[in-house]
N, C-alpha and C. Protein backbone atom coordinates (compact mmCIF):
# COMPACT_ATOMS: atom_id res chain seq x y z
N UNK A 1 102.47 -57.42 180.33
CA UNK A 1 103.31 -56.65 179.41
C UNK A 1 104.44 -55.93 180.08
N UNK A 2 104.29 -55.58 181.33
CA UNK A 2 105.37 -54.90 182.07
C UNK A 2 106.62 -55.82 182.15
N UNK A 3 106.44 -57.15 182.30
CA UNK A 3 107.56 -58.05 182.37
C UNK A 3 108.27 -58.15 181.16
N UNK A 4 107.52 -58.11 180.01
CA UNK A 4 108.04 -58.15 178.69
C UNK A 4 108.91 -56.92 178.44
N UNK A 5 108.38 -55.73 178.84
CA UNK A 5 109.18 -54.41 178.64
C UNK A 5 110.40 -54.47 179.46
N UNK A 6 110.35 -55.00 180.73
CA UNK A 6 111.50 -55.09 181.66
C UNK A 6 112.57 -56.05 180.99
N UNK A 7 112.10 -57.17 180.42
CA UNK A 7 112.98 -58.04 179.74
C UNK A 7 113.71 -57.33 178.57
N UNK A 8 112.97 -56.53 177.75
CA UNK A 8 113.57 -55.73 176.68
C UNK A 8 114.58 -54.76 177.27
N UNK A 9 114.28 -54.13 178.31
CA UNK A 9 115.26 -53.22 178.96
C UNK A 9 116.52 -53.90 179.31
N UNK A 10 116.39 -55.15 180.01
CA UNK A 10 117.59 -55.89 180.47
C UNK A 10 118.40 -56.38 179.22
N UNK A 11 117.72 -56.77 178.18
CA UNK A 11 118.42 -57.16 177.02
C UNK A 11 119.18 -56.07 176.32
N UNK A 12 118.65 -54.83 176.34
CA UNK A 12 119.36 -53.72 175.75
C UNK A 12 120.55 -53.39 176.61
N UNK A 13 120.43 -53.51 177.90
CA UNK A 13 121.59 -53.31 178.84
C UNK A 13 122.66 -54.34 178.48
N UNK A 14 122.30 -55.55 178.39
CA UNK A 14 123.23 -56.61 178.05
C UNK A 14 123.94 -56.40 176.71
N UNK A 15 123.17 -56.01 175.70
CA UNK A 15 123.70 -55.69 174.35
C UNK A 15 124.77 -54.57 174.50
N UNK A 16 124.44 -53.48 175.27
CA UNK A 16 125.41 -52.43 175.49
C UNK A 16 126.65 -52.99 176.15
N UNK A 17 126.51 -53.71 177.19
CA UNK A 17 127.69 -54.23 177.82
C UNK A 17 128.54 -55.11 176.93
N UNK A 18 127.89 -55.95 176.19
CA UNK A 18 128.62 -56.79 175.31
C UNK A 18 129.31 -55.92 174.16
N UNK A 19 128.67 -54.98 173.69
CA UNK A 19 129.27 -54.09 172.64
C UNK A 19 130.49 -53.39 173.28
N UNK A 20 130.43 -53.00 174.45
CA UNK A 20 131.57 -52.24 175.07
C UNK A 20 132.75 -53.33 175.20
N UNK A 21 132.49 -54.48 175.55
CA UNK A 21 133.52 -55.53 175.63
C UNK A 21 134.27 -55.72 174.30
N UNK A 22 133.60 -55.66 173.30
CA UNK A 22 134.29 -55.87 171.98
C UNK A 22 134.65 -54.49 171.34
N UNK A 23 134.49 -53.42 172.13
CA UNK A 23 134.85 -52.08 171.77
C UNK A 23 134.03 -51.59 170.48
N UNK A 24 132.79 -51.92 170.43
CA UNK A 24 131.88 -51.45 169.40
C UNK A 24 131.03 -50.34 169.83
N UNK A 25 131.52 -49.10 169.76
CA UNK A 25 130.91 -47.90 170.25
C UNK A 25 129.59 -47.64 169.62
N UNK A 26 129.40 -47.97 168.33
CA UNK A 26 128.18 -47.70 167.64
C UNK A 26 126.97 -48.54 168.27
N UNK A 27 127.22 -49.79 168.43
CA UNK A 27 126.15 -50.65 169.05
C UNK A 27 125.90 -50.24 170.47
N UNK A 28 127.03 -49.97 171.17
CA UNK A 28 126.82 -49.52 172.60
C UNK A 28 125.96 -48.25 172.70
N UNK A 29 126.28 -47.33 171.80
CA UNK A 29 125.54 -46.04 171.94
C UNK A 29 124.06 -46.30 171.53
N UNK A 30 123.79 -47.08 170.48
CA UNK A 30 122.34 -47.34 170.08
C UNK A 30 121.60 -47.99 171.19
N UNK A 31 122.27 -49.09 171.83
CA UNK A 31 121.55 -49.64 172.96
C UNK A 31 121.31 -48.74 174.12
N UNK A 32 122.24 -47.93 174.38
CA UNK A 32 122.18 -46.97 175.47
C UNK A 32 121.08 -46.00 175.10
N UNK A 33 120.96 -45.61 173.92
CA UNK A 33 119.92 -44.64 173.48
C UNK A 33 118.50 -45.25 173.71
N UNK A 34 118.42 -46.52 173.55
CA UNK A 34 117.09 -47.17 173.55
C UNK A 34 116.71 -47.84 174.88
N UNK A 35 117.65 -48.12 175.79
CA UNK A 35 117.43 -48.95 176.88
C UNK A 35 116.35 -48.40 177.86
N UNK A 36 116.18 -47.13 178.05
CA UNK A 36 115.21 -46.58 178.91
C UNK A 36 113.74 -46.58 178.42
N UNK A 37 113.55 -46.68 177.09
CA UNK A 37 112.27 -46.61 176.50
C UNK A 37 111.28 -47.69 177.12
N UNK A 38 111.65 -48.88 177.34
CA UNK A 38 110.73 -49.80 177.90
C UNK A 38 110.25 -49.36 179.32
N UNK A 39 111.19 -48.82 180.23
CA UNK A 39 110.81 -48.42 181.54
C UNK A 39 109.92 -47.12 181.51
N UNK A 40 110.17 -46.25 180.51
CA UNK A 40 109.37 -45.11 180.35
C UNK A 40 107.91 -45.43 179.88
N UNK A 41 107.86 -46.50 179.07
CA UNK A 41 106.46 -46.99 178.70
C UNK A 41 105.78 -47.63 179.97
N UNK A 42 106.41 -48.33 180.79
CA UNK A 42 105.81 -48.84 182.00
C UNK A 42 105.33 -47.70 182.91
N UNK A 43 106.13 -46.64 183.04
CA UNK A 43 105.79 -45.56 183.88
C UNK A 43 104.90 -44.47 183.30
N UNK A 44 104.51 -44.79 182.04
CA UNK A 44 103.59 -43.88 181.28
C UNK A 44 104.16 -42.48 181.13
N UNK A 45 105.53 -42.45 181.00
CA UNK A 45 106.20 -41.08 180.83
C UNK A 45 106.91 -40.95 179.52
N UNK A 46 106.50 -41.67 178.51
CA UNK A 46 107.15 -41.59 177.20
C UNK A 46 106.37 -40.67 176.37
N UNK A 47 107.19 -39.78 175.63
CA UNK A 47 106.58 -38.92 174.71
C UNK A 47 107.54 -38.83 173.46
N UNK A 48 107.05 -38.26 172.45
CA UNK A 48 107.85 -38.15 171.15
C UNK A 48 109.03 -37.28 171.47
N UNK A 49 108.97 -36.26 172.22
CA UNK A 49 110.04 -35.33 172.62
C UNK A 49 111.05 -36.05 173.37
N UNK A 50 110.68 -36.92 174.28
CA UNK A 50 111.64 -37.71 175.08
C UNK A 50 112.42 -38.73 174.22
N UNK A 51 111.66 -39.35 173.33
CA UNK A 51 112.42 -40.29 172.47
C UNK A 51 113.35 -39.55 171.65
N UNK A 52 113.07 -38.39 171.05
CA UNK A 52 113.97 -37.70 170.19
C UNK A 52 115.19 -37.23 171.00
N UNK A 53 114.95 -36.85 172.18
CA UNK A 53 116.11 -36.43 173.02
C UNK A 53 117.04 -37.60 173.31
N UNK A 54 116.42 -38.82 173.56
CA UNK A 54 117.17 -40.00 173.93
C UNK A 54 118.05 -40.48 172.71
N UNK A 55 117.53 -40.35 171.53
CA UNK A 55 118.32 -40.85 170.44
C UNK A 55 119.12 -39.76 169.65
N UNK A 56 119.11 -38.57 170.20
CA UNK A 56 119.85 -37.47 169.47
C UNK A 56 121.31 -37.76 169.37
N UNK A 57 121.97 -38.16 170.40
CA UNK A 57 123.40 -38.35 170.39
C UNK A 57 123.76 -39.49 169.36
N UNK A 58 123.02 -40.57 169.34
CA UNK A 58 123.23 -41.65 168.30
C UNK A 58 122.95 -41.00 166.92
N UNK A 59 121.85 -40.41 166.70
CA UNK A 59 121.55 -39.88 165.39
C UNK A 59 122.57 -38.84 164.93
N UNK A 60 123.07 -38.09 165.76
CA UNK A 60 124.07 -36.98 165.44
C UNK A 60 125.38 -37.70 164.97
N UNK A 61 125.68 -38.76 165.60
CA UNK A 61 126.95 -39.43 165.30
C UNK A 61 126.88 -40.49 164.15
N UNK A 62 125.77 -41.22 164.09
CA UNK A 62 125.65 -42.37 163.18
C UNK A 62 124.48 -42.41 162.25
N UNK A 63 123.61 -41.40 162.46
CA UNK A 63 122.30 -41.41 161.71
C UNK A 63 122.51 -41.34 160.25
N UNK A 64 123.59 -40.88 159.68
CA UNK A 64 123.85 -40.77 158.25
C UNK A 64 124.13 -42.15 157.62
N UNK A 65 124.47 -43.15 158.54
CA UNK A 65 124.86 -44.52 157.97
C UNK A 65 123.65 -45.31 157.65
N UNK A 66 122.62 -45.27 158.32
CA UNK A 66 121.46 -46.21 157.99
C UNK A 66 120.16 -45.46 158.11
N UNK A 67 119.85 -44.87 159.30
CA UNK A 67 118.69 -44.14 159.50
C UNK A 67 118.80 -43.16 160.71
N UNK A 68 118.08 -42.19 160.73
CA UNK A 68 117.90 -41.31 161.94
C UNK A 68 116.71 -41.70 162.69
N UNK A 69 116.85 -42.29 163.87
CA UNK A 69 115.69 -42.74 164.60
C UNK A 69 114.68 -41.68 164.87
N UNK A 70 115.18 -40.49 165.19
CA UNK A 70 114.22 -39.37 165.55
C UNK A 70 113.32 -39.13 164.32
N UNK A 71 113.77 -39.25 163.11
CA UNK A 71 112.90 -39.02 162.00
C UNK A 71 111.77 -40.09 161.85
N UNK A 72 111.91 -41.18 162.46
CA UNK A 72 110.83 -42.14 162.48
C UNK A 72 109.69 -41.74 163.34
N UNK A 73 109.97 -40.80 164.25
CA UNK A 73 108.86 -40.30 165.15
C UNK A 73 108.05 -39.28 164.45
N UNK A 74 108.62 -38.43 163.58
CA UNK A 74 107.87 -37.35 162.93
C UNK A 74 106.82 -37.92 162.00
């Protein structure tokens, strides 16, 4: 499972990099908000408060467009 989570982390990093290349700040910020979650799962350091803190910047800027990710935790 750790390899799958690491793969997910790397994919999110790649998504962020590609989004920055095409100047898509929204996708880059979403990927940036989520990219550490797989590693935190591996290290058993993930909590609801940590997730909320990680997605706060994205939610504050774009949460009104589709969904607020922190709300999915409550």
